[in-house]
Amino acid sequence: MKAVCPNNENHKEFVTVVHVIDEWVVDEEGNWIETKGDESQTEDEGLVHGPDAGNTWTCHTCGAEAEVTD
């Protein structure tokens, strides 16, 4: 998979969604109090699904929607 910014091929950072599992501290009614541990999850710490070519990818530098190929 590769993402390319349509405005500038030298832009190499993109924003897209991933799905992670977090552990929360909650009250007796299930209301969030805080996220337990490091909020930035890695593959070994709760990543459910990483970046996907079917998701929207936005150039982090200029905000253009990237062209993503498999």
Protein backbone atom coordinates (compact mmCIF):
# COMPACT_ATOMS: atom_id res chain seq x y z
CA MET A 1 0.00 0.00 0.00
CA LYS A 2 1.23 3.50 -0.78
CA ALA A 3 -0.25 6.96 -0.26
CA VAL A 4 0.70 9.92 -2.45
CA CYS A 5 -0.24 13.56 -1.90
CA PRO A 6 -1.78 14.93 -5.11
CA ASN A 7 -0.34 18.40 -4.36
CA ASN A 8 3.25 17.40 -3.64
CA GLU A 9 4.81 13.93 -3.87
CA ASN A 10 7.40 14.99 -1.26
CA HIS A 11 4.69 15.14 1.44
CA LYS A 12 5.18 11.80 3.20
CA GLU A 13 2.94 11.96 6.32
CA PHE A 14 -0.79 11.26 6.30
CA VAL A 15 -3.69 11.13 8.73
CA THR A 16 -6.03 8.13 8.58
CA VAL A 17 -7.98 6.00 11.05
CA VAL A 18 -6.94 2.87 12.88
CA HIS A 19 -8.88 0.86 15.44
CA VAL A 20 -7.35 0.25 18.86
CA ILE A 21 -8.55 -1.21 22.11
CA ASP A 22 -8.01 0.97 25.19
CA GLU A 23 -8.43 0.09 28.82
CA TRP A 24 -10.44 2.71 30.67
CA VAL A 25 -10.89 3.49 34.33
CA VAL A 26 -14.64 4.03 34.78
CA ASP A 27 -17.02 4.83 37.61
CA GLU A 28 -19.78 2.51 38.82
CA GLU A 29 -22.04 3.68 35.97
CA GLY A 30 -19.47 3.08 33.24
CA ASN A 31 -18.56 6.74 32.77
CA TRP A 32 -15.00 7.33 31.57
CA ILE A 33 -12.58 8.69 34.15
CA GLU A 34 -9.23 8.16 32.41
CA THR A 35 -7.46 5.95 29.90
CA LYS A 36 -5.20 3.42 31.59
CA GLY A 37 -1.62 3.26 30.39
CA ASP A 38 -0.09 4.89 27.33
CA GLU A 39 -2.76 6.40 25.08
CA SER A 40 -0.64 5.83 22.00
CA GLN A 41 -1.17 2.15 21.26
CA THR A 42 1.24 -0.01 19.29
CA GLU A 43 0.59 -3.26 17.45
CA ASP A 44 1.38 -5.30 20.55
CA GLU A 45 -0.72 -3.10 22.86
CA GLY A 46 -4.20 -3.14 21.41
CA LEU A 47 -4.12 -2.45 17.69
CA VAL A 48 -7.21 -4.10 16.18
CA HIS A 49 -6.93 -2.86 12.62
CA GLY A 50 -4.20 -0.71 11.11
CA PRO A 51 -4.35 1.70 8.18
CA ASP A 52 -6.45 0.48 5.25
CA ALA A 53 -6.31 1.56 1.60
CA GLY A 54 -10.10 1.91 1.66
CA ASN A 55 -10.01 4.58 4.38
CA THR A 56 -9.64 8.29 3.69
CA TRP A 57 -6.02 9.41 3.97
CA THR A 58 -5.35 13.13 4.36
CA CYS A 59 -1.98 14.76 3.78
CA HIS A 60 -0.71 15.93 7.17
CA THR A 61 1.20 18.80 5.52
CA CYS A 62 -1.39 20.41 3.23
CA GLY A 63 -4.71 18.67 3.99
CA ALA A 64 -5.30 17.21 0.51
CA GLU A 65 -6.99 13.84 0.20
CA ALA A 66 -4.26 11.38 -0.75
CA GLU A 67 -4.35 8.85 -3.55
CA VAL A 68 -3.86 5.41 -1.99
CA THR A 69 -2.96 2.26 -3.92
CA ASP A 70 -2.81 -1.32 -2.64
